[in-house]
Amino acid sequence: MIDLQEQFNPGLDMIGFVPYLVDTDSATIKSNLEELYKQHKEDNLVFQNIIKRSNKVSTWSKNGITEHKGYDKKVLSMYENVFFEMLERIIQLENEKE
């Protein structure tokens, strides 16, 4: 990933990538995700917070989401967790530049 960044846009600061629509019931996918974390342990490019696969996530753009229904709150919290981790990563990157 870093090689591609340096090749195509060396000025781009990468804060990481988010595992998206992860099927946490699949042993294979869990294993692949663990391997991904191991591969990027040094550069910390994989977000710890993930977006799990669910029907609500898949239909969010069509059906919307609220803060009032329990299941909607659970799905929304995944996105909020990713957002806050992203902010932490941005702050850390900015502090490293100083």
PDB file of N, CA and C in Angstrom:
ATOM      1  N   MET A   1       0.819  -1.188   0.000  1.00  0.00           N
ATOM      2  CA  MET A   1       0.000   0.000   0.000  1.00  0.00           C
ATOM      3  C   MET A   1       0.867   1.256   0.000  1.00  0.00           C
ATOM      4  N   ILE A   2       1.875   1.259   0.857  1.00  0.00           N
ATOM      5  CA  ILE A   2       2.779   2.409   0.931  1.00  0.00           C
ATOM      6  C   ILE A   2       3.518   2.586  -0.387  1.00  0.00           C
ATOM      7  N   ASP A   3       3.915   1.490  -1.031  1.00  0.00           N
ATOM      8  CA  ASP A   3       4.610   1.575  -2.315  1.00  0.00           C
ATOM      9  C   ASP A   3       3.741   2.259  -3.356  1.00  0.00           C
ATOM     10  N   LEU A   4       2.454   1.925  -3.404  1.00  0.00           N
ATOM     11  CA  LEU A   4       1.541   2.564  -4.351  1.00  0.00           C
ATOM     12  C   LEU A   4       1.389   4.043  -4.044  1.00  0.00           C
ATOM     13  N   GLN A   5       1.288   4.370  -2.779  1.00  0.00           N
ATOM     14  CA  GLN A   5       1.180   5.763  -2.372  1.00  0.00           C
ATOM     15  C   GLN A   5       2.398   6.543  -2.849  1.00  0.00           C
ATOM     16  N   GLU A   6       3.579   6.006  -2.609  1.00  0.00           N
ATOM     17  CA  GLU A   6       4.807   6.693  -3.002  1.00  0.00           C
ATOM     18  C   GLU A   6       4.935   6.793  -4.513  1.00  0.00           C
ATOM     19  N   GLN A   7       4.435   5.791  -5.230  1.00  0.00           N
ATOM     20  CA  GLN A   7       4.536   5.787  -6.683  1.00  0.00           C
ATOM     21  C   GLN A   7       3.574   6.789  -7.318  1.00  0.00           C
ATOM     22  N   PHE A   8       2.337   6.862  -6.823  1.00  0.00           N
ATOM     23  CA  PHE A   8       1.323   7.665  -7.495  1.00  0.00           C
ATOM     24  C   PHE A   8       1.052   9.022  -6.848  1.00  0.00           C
ATOM     25  N   ASN A   9       1.249   9.131  -5.549  1.00  0.00           N
ATOM     26  CA  ASN A   9       0.981  10.402  -4.882  1.00  0.00           C
ATOM     27  C   ASN A   9       1.812  10.494  -3.603  1.00  0.00           C
ATOM     28  N   PRO A  10       3.103  10.799  -3.740  1.00  0.00           N
ATOM     29  CA  PRO A  10       3.980  10.813  -2.566  1.00  0.00           C
ATOM     30  C   PRO A  10       3.605  11.878  -1.534  1.00  0.00           C
ATOM     31  N   GLY A  11       2.850  12.883  -1.928  1.00  0.00           N
ATOM     32  CA  GLY A  11       2.444  13.932  -0.992  1.00  0.00           C
ATOM     33  C   GLY A  11       1.226  13.571  -0.165  1.00  0.00           C
ATOM     34  N   LEU A  12       0.623  12.439  -0.465  1.00  0.00           N
ATOM     35  CA  LEU A  12      -0.587  12.014   0.237  1.00  0.00           C
ATOM     36  C   LEU A  12      -0.228  11.392   1.580  1.00  0.00           C
ATOM     37  N   ASP A  13      -0.840  11.887   2.630  1.00  0.00           N
ATOM     38  CA  ASP A  13      -0.666  11.288   3.952  1.00  0.00           C
ATOM     39  C   ASP A  13      -1.763  10.250   4.147  1.00  0.00           C
ATOM     40  N   MET A  14      -1.365   9.023   4.342  1.00  0.00           N
ATOM     41  CA  MET A  14      -2.333   7.952   4.519  1.00  0.00           C
ATOM     42  C   MET A  14      -2.509   7.679   6.006  1.00  0.00           C
ATOM     43  N   ILE A  15      -3.766   7.708   6.459  1.00  0.00           N
ATOM     44  CA  ILE A  15      -4.018   7.431   7.871  1.00  0.00           C
ATOM     45  C   ILE A  15      -4.450   5.988   8.091  1.00  0.00           C
ATOM     46  N   GLY A  16      -4.747   5.268   7.029  1.00  0.00           N
ATOM     47  CA  GLY A  16      -5.107   3.862   7.173  1.00  0.00           C
ATOM     48  C   GLY A  16      -6.292   3.486   6.312  1.00  0.00           C
ATOM     49  N   PHE A  17      -6.689   2.240   6.462  1.00  0.00           N
ATOM     50  CA  PHE A  17      -7.875   1.786   5.755  1.00  0.00           C
ATOM     51  C   PHE A  17      -8.752   0.980   6.693  1.00  0.00           C
ATOM     52  N   VAL A  18     -10.053   1.016   6.393  1.00  0.00           N
ATOM     53  CA  VAL A  18     -11.069   0.417   7.255  1.00  0.00           C
ATOM     54  C   VAL A  18     -11.563  -0.887   6.640  1.00  0.00           C
ATOM     55  N   PRO A  19     -11.433  -1.991   7.349  1.00  0.00           N
ATOM     56  CA  PRO A  19     -12.071  -3.222   6.873  1.00  0.00           C
ATOM     57  C   PRO A  19     -13.588  -2.993   6.824  1.00  0.00           C
ATOM     58  N   TYR A  20     -14.177  -3.195   5.646  1.00  0.00           N
ATOM     59  CA  TYR A  20     -15.573  -2.815   5.410  1.00  0.00           C
ATOM     60  C   TYR A  20     -16.392  -4.022   4.978  1.00  0.00           C
ATOM     61  N   LEU A  21     -17.591  -4.116   5.502  1.00  0.00           N
ATOM     62  CA  LEU A  21     -18.521  -5.220   5.232  1.00  0.00           C
ATOM     63  C   LEU A  21     -17.890  -6.567   5.575  1.00  0.00           C
ATOM     64  N   VAL A  22     -17.280  -6.623   6.741  1.00  0.00           N
ATOM     65  CA  VAL A  22     -16.606  -7.826   7.220  1.00  0.00           C
ATOM     66  C   VAL A  22     -17.639  -8.792   7.789  1.00  0.00           C
ATOM     67  N   ASP A  23     -17.609 -10.023   7.305  1.00  0.00           N
ATOM     68  CA  ASP A  23     -18.498 -11.072   7.817  1.00  0.00           C
ATOM     69  C   ASP A  23     -17.803 -11.737   9.000  1.00  0.00           C
ATOM     70  N   THR A  24     -18.156 -11.316  10.203  1.00  0.00           N
ATOM     71  CA  THR A  24     -17.473 -11.815  11.396  1.00  0.00           C
ATOM     72  C   THR A  24     -17.891 -13.235  11.766  1.00  0.00           C
ATOM     73  N   ASP A  25     -18.852 -13.803  11.048  1.00  0.00           N
ATOM     74  CA  ASP A  25     -19.247 -15.198  11.284  1.00  0.00           C
ATOM     75  C   ASP A  25     -18.393 -16.174  10.480  1.00  0.00           C
ATOM     76  N   SER A  26     -17.619 -15.665   9.546  1.00  0.00           N
ATOM     77  CA  SER A  26     -16.803 -16.513   8.681  1.00  0.00           C
ATOM     78  C   SER A  26     -15.409 -16.706   9.284  1.00  0.00           C
ATOM     79  N   ALA A  27     -15.060 -17.951   9.533  1.00  0.00           N
ATOM     80  CA  ALA A  27     -13.733 -18.253  10.085  1.00  0.00           C
ATOM     81  C   ALA A  27     -12.629 -17.829   9.122  1.00  0.00           C
ATOM     82  N   THR A  28     -12.864 -18.007   7.832  1.00  0.00           N
ATOM     83  CA  THR A  28     -11.867 -17.628   6.826  1.00  0.00           C
ATOM     84  C   THR A  28     -11.632 -16.125   6.840  1.00  0.00           C
ATOM     85  N   ILE A  29     -12.700 -15.372   6.892  1.00  0.00           N
ATOM     86  CA  ILE A  29     -12.566 -13.917   6.892  1.00  0.00           C
ATOM     87  C   ILE A  29     -11.914 -13.442   8.187  1.00  0.00           C
ATOM     88  N   LYS A  30     -12.280 -14.048   9.309  1.00  0.00           N
ATOM     89  CA  LYS A  30     -11.628 -13.699  10.576  1.00  0.00           C
ATOM     90  C   LYS A  30     -10.126 -13.958  10.494  1.00  0.00           C
ATOM     91  N   SER A  31      -9.768 -15.092   9.918  1.00  0.00           N
ATOM     92  CA  SER A  31      -8.358 -15.445   9.765  1.00  0.00           C
ATOM     93  C   SER A  31      -7.643 -14.447   8.856  1.00  0.00           C
ATOM     94  N   ASN A  32      -8.289 -14.085   7.750  1.00  0.00           N
ATOM     95  CA  ASN A  32      -7.705 -13.108   6.824  1.00  0.00           C
ATOM     96  C   ASN A  32      -7.521 -11.753   7.495  1.00  0.00           C
ATOM     97  N   LEU A  33      -8.491 -11.365   8.305  1.00  0.00           N
ATOM     98  CA  LEU A  33      -8.402 -10.086   9.001  1.00  0.00           C
ATOM     99  C   LEU A  33      -7.258 -10.101  10.012  1.00  0.00           C
ATOM    100  N   GLU A  34      -7.118 -11.198  10.733  1.00  0.00           N
ATOM    101  CA  GLU A  34      -6.004 -11.326  11.673  1.00  0.00           C
ATOM    102  C   GLU A  34      -4.664 -11.229  10.947  1.00  0.00           C
ATOM    103  N   GLU A  35      -4.569 -11.870   9.795  1.00  0.00           N
ATOM    104  CA  GLU A  35      -3.339 -11.816   8.999  1.00  0.00           C
ATOM    105  C   GLU A  35      -3.069 -10.388   8.518  1.00  0.00           C
ATOM    106  N   LEU A  36      -4.112  -9.691   8.126  1.00  0.00           N
ATOM    107  CA  LEU A  36      -3.976  -8.303   7.691  1.00  0.00           C
ATOM    108  C   LEU A  36      -3.421  -7.434   8.818  1.00  0.00           C
ATOM    109  N   TYR A  37      -3.941  -7.625  10.025  1.00  0.00           N
ATOM    110  CA  TYR A  37      -3.426  -6.872  11.172  1.00  0.00           C
ATOM    111  C   TYR A  37      -1.960  -7.209  11.434  1.00  0.00           C
ATOM    112  N   LYS A  38      -1.596  -8.474  11.303  1.00  0.00           N
ATOM    113  CA  LYS A  38      -0.198  -8.874  11.510  1.00  0.00           C
ATOM    114  C   LYS A  38       0.715  -8.223  10.475  1.00  0.00           C
ATOM    115  N   GLN A  39       0.269  -8.207   9.210  1.00  0.00           N
ATOM    116  CA  GLN A  39       1.081  -7.636   8.136  1.00  0.00           C
ATOM    117  C   GLN A  39       1.308  -6.140   8.324  1.00  0.00           C
ATOM    118  N   HIS A  40       0.363  -5.475   8.947  1.00  0.00           N
ATOM    119  CA  HIS A  40       0.449  -4.016   9.085  1.00  0.00           C
ATOM    120  C   HIS A  40       0.657  -3.578  10.530  1.00  0.00           C
ATOM    121  N   LYS A  41       1.200  -4.479  11.345  1.00  0.00           N
ATOM    122  CA  LYS A  41       1.452  -4.144  12.748  1.00  0.00           C
ATOM    123  C   LYS A  41       2.434  -2.983  12.864  1.00  0.00           C
ATOM    124  N   GLU A  42       3.484  -2.999  12.045  1.00  0.00           N
ATOM    125  CA  GLU A  42       4.521  -1.958  12.102  1.00  0.00           C
ATOM    126  C   GLU A  42       3.991  -0.591  11.669  1.00  0.00           C
ATOM    127  N   ASP A  43       3.256  -0.551  10.553  1.00  0.00           N
ATOM    128  CA  ASP A  43       2.803   0.738  10.029  1.00  0.00           C
ATOM    129  C   ASP A  43       1.425   1.148  10.552  1.00  0.00           C
ATOM    130  N   ASN A  44       0.722   0.236  11.232  1.00  0.00           N
ATOM    131  CA  ASN A  44      -0.569   0.537  11.859  1.00  0.00           C
ATOM    132  C   ASN A  44      -1.571   1.131  10.865  1.00  0.00           C
ATOM    133  N   LEU A  45      -1.605   0.605   9.656  1.00  0.00           N
ATOM    134  CA  LEU A  45      -2.497   1.154   8.639  1.00  0.00           C
ATOM    135  C   LEU A  45      -3.917   0.595   8.681  1.00  0.00           C
ATOM    136  N   VAL A  46      -4.141  -0.474   9.419  1.00  0.00           N
ATOM    137  CA  VAL A  46      -5.478  -1.065   9.460  1.00  0.00           C
ATOM    138  C   VAL A  46      -6.207  -0.543  10.697  1.00  0.00           C
ATOM    139  N   PHE A  47      -7.364   0.059  10.473  1.00  0.00           N
ATOM    140  CA  PHE A  47      -8.163   0.547  11.595  1.00  0.00           C
ATOM    141  C   PHE A  47      -8.565  -0.621  12.491  1.00  0.00           C
ATOM    142  N   GLN A  48      -8.574  -0.378  13.792  1.00  0.00           N
ATOM    143  CA  GLN A  48      -9.046  -1.387  14.742  1.00  0.00           C
ATOM    144  C   GLN A  48     -10.565  -1.512  14.694  1.00  0.00           C
ATOM    145  N   ASN A  49     -11.240  -0.403  14.443  1.00  0.00           N
ATOM    146  CA  ASN A  49     -12.696  -0.417  14.317  1.00  0.00           C
ATOM    147  C   ASN A  49     -13.056  -0.787  12.887  1.00  0.00           C
ATOM    148  N   ILE A  50     -14.004  -1.695  12.754  1.00  0.00           N
ATOM    149  CA  ILE A  50     -14.391  -2.182  11.433  1.00  0.00           C
ATOM    150  C   ILE A  50     -15.888  -1.975  11.227  1.00  0.00           C
ATOM    151  N   ILE A  51     -16.300  -2.093   9.972  1.00  0.00           N
ATOM    152  CA  ILE A  51     -17.723  -2.090   9.645  1.00  0.00           C
ATOM    153  C   ILE A  51     -18.102  -3.522   9.310  1.00  0.00           C
ATOM    154  N   LYS A  52     -18.927  -4.105  10.164  1.00  0.00           N
ATOM    155  CA  LYS A  52     -19.348  -5.489   9.956  1.00  0.00           C
ATOM    156  C   LYS A  52     -20.464  -5.547   8.920  1.00  0.00           C
ATOM    157  N   ARG A  53     -20.485  -6.654   8.186  1.00  0.00           N
ATOM    158  CA  ARG A  53     -21.531  -6.869   7.194  1.00  0.00           C
ATOM    159  C   ARG A  53     -22.855  -7.110   7.907  1.00  0.00           C
ATOM    160  N   SER A  54     -23.879  -6.435   7.417  1.00  0.00           N
ATOM    161  CA  SER A  54     -25.235  -6.656   7.916  1.00  0.00           C
ATOM    162  C   SER A  54     -26.212  -6.148   6.866  1.00  0.00           C
ATOM    163  N   ASN A  55     -27.439  -6.597   6.960  1.00  0.00           N
ATOM    164  CA  ASN A  55     -28.457  -6.123   6.020  1.00  0.00           C
ATOM    165  C   ASN A  55     -28.666  -4.626   6.158  1.00  0.00           C
ATOM    166  N   LYS A  56     -28.605  -4.121   7.373  1.00  0.00           N
ATOM    167  CA  LYS A  56     -28.821  -2.690   7.592  1.00  0.00           C
ATOM    168  C   LYS A  56     -27.723  -1.867   6.929  1.00  0.00           C
ATOM    169  N   VAL A  57     -26.495  -2.292   7.053  1.00  0.00           N
ATOM    170  CA  VAL A  57     -25.394  -1.565   6.413  1.00  0.00           C
ATOM    171  C   VAL A  57     -25.569  -1.586   4.899  1.00  0.00           C
ATOM    172  N   SER A  58     -25.956  -2.736   4.365  1.00  0.00           N
ATOM    173  CA  SER A  58     -26.099  -2.883   2.912  1.00  0.00           C
ATOM    174  C   SER A  58     -27.240  -2.050   2.350  1.00  0.00           C
ATOM    175  N   THR A  59     -28.277  -1.781   3.150  1.00  0.00           N
ATOM    176  CA  THR A  59     -29.442  -1.039   2.647  1.00  0.00           C
ATOM    177  C   THR A  59     -29.539   0.371   3.219  1.00  0.00           C
ATOM    178  N   TRP A  60     -28.516   0.791   3.933  1.00  0.00           N
ATOM    179  CA  TRP A  60     -28.552   2.092   4.588  1.00  0.00           C
ATOM    180  C   TRP A  60     -28.842   3.218   3.593  1.00  0.00           C
ATOM    181  N   SER A  61     -28.187   3.222   2.462  1.00  0.00           N
ATOM    182  CA  SER A  61     -28.370   4.314   1.499  1.00  0.00           C
ATOM    183  C   SER A  61     -29.785   4.344   0.938  1.00  0.00           C
ATOM    184  N   LYS A  62     -30.431   3.209   0.887  1.00  0.00           N
ATOM    185  CA  LYS A  62     -31.790   3.137   0.347  1.00  0.00           C
ATOM    186  C   LYS A  62     -32.848   3.419   1.412  1.00  0.00           C
ATOM    187  N   ASN A  63     -32.691   2.822   2.583  1.00  0.00           N
ATOM    188  CA  ASN A  63     -33.729   2.888   3.612  1.00  0.00           C
ATOM    189  C   ASN A  63     -33.456   3.885   4.726  1.00  0.00           C
ATOM    190  N   GLY A  64     -32.237   4.376   4.808  1.00  0.00           N
ATOM    191  CA  GLY A  64     -31.892   5.319   5.866  1.00  0.00           C
ATOM    192  C   GLY A  64     -31.647   4.629   7.195  1.00  0.00           C
ATOM    193  N   ILE A  65     -31.325   5.442   8.190  1.00  0.00           N
ATOM    194  CA  ILE A  65     -31.034   4.933   9.527  1.00  0.00           C
ATOM    195  C   ILE A  65     -31.433   6.001  10.537  1.00  0.00           C
ATOM    196  N   THR A  66     -31.807   5.570  11.728  1.00  0.00           N
ATOM    197  CA  THR A  66     -32.210   6.514  12.768  1.00  0.00           C
ATOM    198  C   THR A  66     -31.353   6.293  14.011  1.00  0.00           C
ATOM    199  N   GLU A  67     -31.525   7.175  14.963  1.00  0.00           N
ATOM    200  CA  GLU A  67     -30.859   7.007  16.254  1.00  0.00           C
ATOM    201  C   GLU A  67     -31.802   6.401  17.282  1.00  0.00           C
ATOM    202  N   HIS A  68     -33.019   6.054  16.873  1.00  0.00           N
ATOM    203  CA  HIS A  68     -34.048   5.644  17.822  1.00  0.00           C
ATOM    204  C   HIS A  68     -34.234   4.136  17.921  1.00  0.00           C
ATOM    205  N   LYS A  69     -33.960   3.417  16.865  1.00  0.00           N
ATOM    206  CA  LYS A  69     -34.142   1.968  16.883  1.00  0.00           C
ATOM    207  C   LYS A  69     -32.856   1.302  17.360  1.00  0.00           C
ATOM    208  N   GLY A  70     -33.003   0.259  18.159  1.00  0.00           N
ATOM    209  CA  GLY A  70     -31.848  -0.422  18.736  1.00  0.00           C
ATOM    210  C   GLY A  70     -30.856  -0.910  17.706  1.00  0.00           C
ATOM    211  N   TYR A  71     -31.360  -1.571  16.657  1.00  0.00           N
ATOM    212  CA  TYR A  71     -30.456  -2.111  15.648  1.00  0.00           C
ATOM    213  C   TYR A  71     -29.770  -0.985  14.882  1.00  0.00           C
ATOM    214  N   ASP A  72     -30.522   0.081  14.598  1.00  0.00           N
ATOM    215  CA  ASP A  72     -29.926   1.228  13.914  1.00  0.00           C
ATOM    216  C   ASP A  72     -28.811   1.842  14.759  1.00  0.00           C
ATOM    217  N   LYS A  73     -29.044   1.932  16.067  1.00  0.00           N
ATOM    218  CA  LYS A  73     -28.020   2.488  16.962  1.00  0.00           C
ATOM    219  C   LYS A  73     -26.746   1.654  16.921  1.00  0.00           C
ATOM    220  N   LYS A  74     -26.911   0.339  16.882  1.00  0.00           N
ATOM    221  CA  LYS A  74     -25.749  -0.560  16.853  1.00  0.00           C
ATOM    222  C   LYS A  74     -24.931  -0.340  15.578  1.00  0.00           C
ATOM    223  N   VAL A  75     -25.623  -0.226  14.454  1.00  0.00           N
ATOM    224  CA  VAL A  75     -24.943  -0.007  13.177  1.00  0.00           C
ATOM    225  C   VAL A  75     -24.290   1.371  13.155  1.00  0.00           C
ATOM    226  N   LEU A  76     -25.023   2.361  13.609  1.00  0.00           N
ATOM    227  CA  LEU A  76     -24.489   3.722  13.630  1.00  0.00           C
ATOM    228  C   LEU A  76     -23.243   3.808  14.506  1.00  0.00           C
ATOM    229  N   SER A  77     -23.229   3.056  15.608  1.00  0.00           N
ATOM    230  CA  SER A  77     -22.067   3.109  16.501  1.00  0.00           C
ATOM    231  C   SER A  77     -20.805   2.582  15.818  1.00  0.00           C
ATOM    232  N   MET A  78     -20.942   1.627  14.889  1.00  0.00           N
ATOM    233  CA  MET A  78     -19.759   1.154  14.153  1.00  0.00           C
ATOM    234  C   MET A  78     -19.134   2.302  13.369  1.00  0.00           C
ATOM    235  N   TYR A  79     -19.986   3.088  12.699  1.00  0.00           N
ATOM    236  CA  TYR A  79     -19.494   4.216  11.912  1.00  0.00           C
ATOM    237  C   TYR A  79     -18.923   5.309  12.818  1.00  0.00           C
ATOM    238  N   GLU A  80     -19.562   5.537  13.949  1.00  0.00           N
ATOM    239  CA  GLU A  80     -19.041   6.536  14.888  1.00  0.00           C
ATOM    240  C   GLU A  80     -17.669   6.119  15.410  1.00  0.00           C
ATOM    241  N   ASN A  81     -17.506   4.847  15.719  1.00  0.00           N
ATOM    242  CA  ASN A  81     -16.213   4.359  16.205  1.00  0.00           C
ATOM    243  C   ASN A  81     -15.121   4.539  15.155  1.00  0.00           C
ATOM    244  N   VAL A  82     -15.447   4.260  13.899  1.00  0.00           N
ATOM    245  CA  VAL A  82     -14.483   4.469  12.811  1.00  0.00           C
ATOM    246  C   VAL A  82     -14.151   5.956  12.693  1.00  0.00           C
ATOM    247  N   PHE A  83     -15.175   6.791  12.777  1.00  0.00           N
ATOM    248  CA  PHE A  83     -14.972   8.235  12.681  1.00  0.00           C
ATOM    249  C   PHE A  83     -14.028   8.740  13.774  1.00  0.00           C
ATOM    250  N   PHE A  84     -14.264   8.324  15.015  1.00  0.00           N
ATOM    251  CA  PHE A  84     -13.415   8.793  16.115  1.00  0.00           C
ATOM    252  C   PHE A  84     -11.994   8.245  16.010  1.00  0.00           C
ATOM    253  N   GLU A  85     -11.854   7.026  15.531  1.00  0.00           N
ATOM    254  CA  GLU A  85     -10.505   6.499  15.310  1.00  0.00           C
ATOM    255  C   GLU A  85      -9.805   7.287  14.207  1.00  0.00           C
ATOM    256  N   MET A  86     -10.564   7.655  13.177  1.00  0.00           N
ATOM    257  CA  MET A  86      -9.995   8.452  12.095  1.00  0.00           C
ATOM    258  C   MET A  86      -9.508   9.800  12.630  1.00  0.00           C
ATOM    259  N   LEU A  87     -10.315  10.442  13.472  1.00  0.00           N
ATOM    260  CA  LEU A  87      -9.897  11.718  14.062  1.00  0.00           C
ATOM    261  C   LEU A  87      -8.621  11.557  14.884  1.00  0.00           C
ATOM    262  N   GLU A  88      -8.546  10.498  15.679  1.00  0.00           N
ATOM    263  CA  GLU A  88      -7.342  10.241  16.470  1.00  0.00           C
ATOM    264  C   GLU A  88      -6.122  10.083  15.575  1.00  0.00           C
ATOM    265  N   ARG A  89      -6.294   9.374  14.468  1.00  0.00           N
ATOM    266  CA  ARG A  89      -5.182   9.155  13.550  1.00  0.00           C
ATOM    267  C   ARG A  89      -4.744  10.465  12.886  1.00  0.00           C
ATOM    268  N   ILE A  90      -5.702  11.300  12.539  1.00  0.00           N
ATOM    269  CA  ILE A  90      -5.376  12.595  11.926  1.00  0.00           C
ATOM    270  C   ILE A  90      -4.619  13.470  12.916  1.00  0.00           C
ATOM    271  N   ILE A  91      -5.094  13.516  14.151  1.00  0.00           N
ATOM    272  CA  ILE A  91      -4.417  14.313  15.183  1.00  0.00           C
ATOM    273  C   ILE A  91      -3.001  13.798  15.401  1.00  0.00           C
ATOM    274  N   GLN A  92      -2.843  12.493  15.470  1.00  0.00           N
ATOM    275  CA  GLN A  92      -1.514  11.904  15.657  1.00  0.00           C
ATOM    276  C   GLN A  92      -0.599  12.264  14.490  1.00  0.00           C
ATOM    277  N   LEU A  93      -1.108  12.187  13.267  1.00  0.00           N
ATOM    278  CA  LEU A  93      -0.313  12.523  12.091  1.00  0.00           C
ATOM    279  C   LEU A  93       0.099  13.991  12.117  1.00  0.00           C
ATOM    280  N   GLU A  94      -0.826  14.863  12.467  1.00  0.00           N
ATOM    281  CA  GLU A  94      -0.517  16.291  12.535  1.00  0.00           C
ATOM    282  C   GLU A  94       0.524  16.575  13.619  1.00  0.00           C
ATOM    283  N   ASN A  95       0.422  15.886  14.746  1.00  0.00           N
ATOM    284  CA  ASN A  95       1.405  16.073  15.826  1.00  0.00           C
ATOM    285  C   ASN A  95       2.789  15.593  15.409  1.00  0.00           C
ATOM    286  N   GLU A  96       2.844  14.534  14.618  1.00  0.00           N
ATOM    287  CA  GLU A  96       4.132  14.020  14.145  1.00  0.00           C
ATOM    288  C   GLU A  96       4.801  14.992  13.182  1.00  0.00           C
ATOM    289  N   LYS A  97       4.008  15.788  12.481  1.00  0.00           N
ATOM    290  CA  LYS A  97       4.555  16.754  11.523  1.00  0.00           C
ATOM    291  C   LYS A  97       5.182  17.953  12.228  1.00  0.00           C
ATOM    292  N   GLU A  98       4.740  18.233  13.433  1.00  0.00           N
ATOM    293  CA  GLU A  98       5.224  19.427  14.153  1.00  0.00           C
ATOM    294  C   GLU A  98       6.625  19.262  14.662  1.00  0.00           C
TER     295      GLU A  98
END
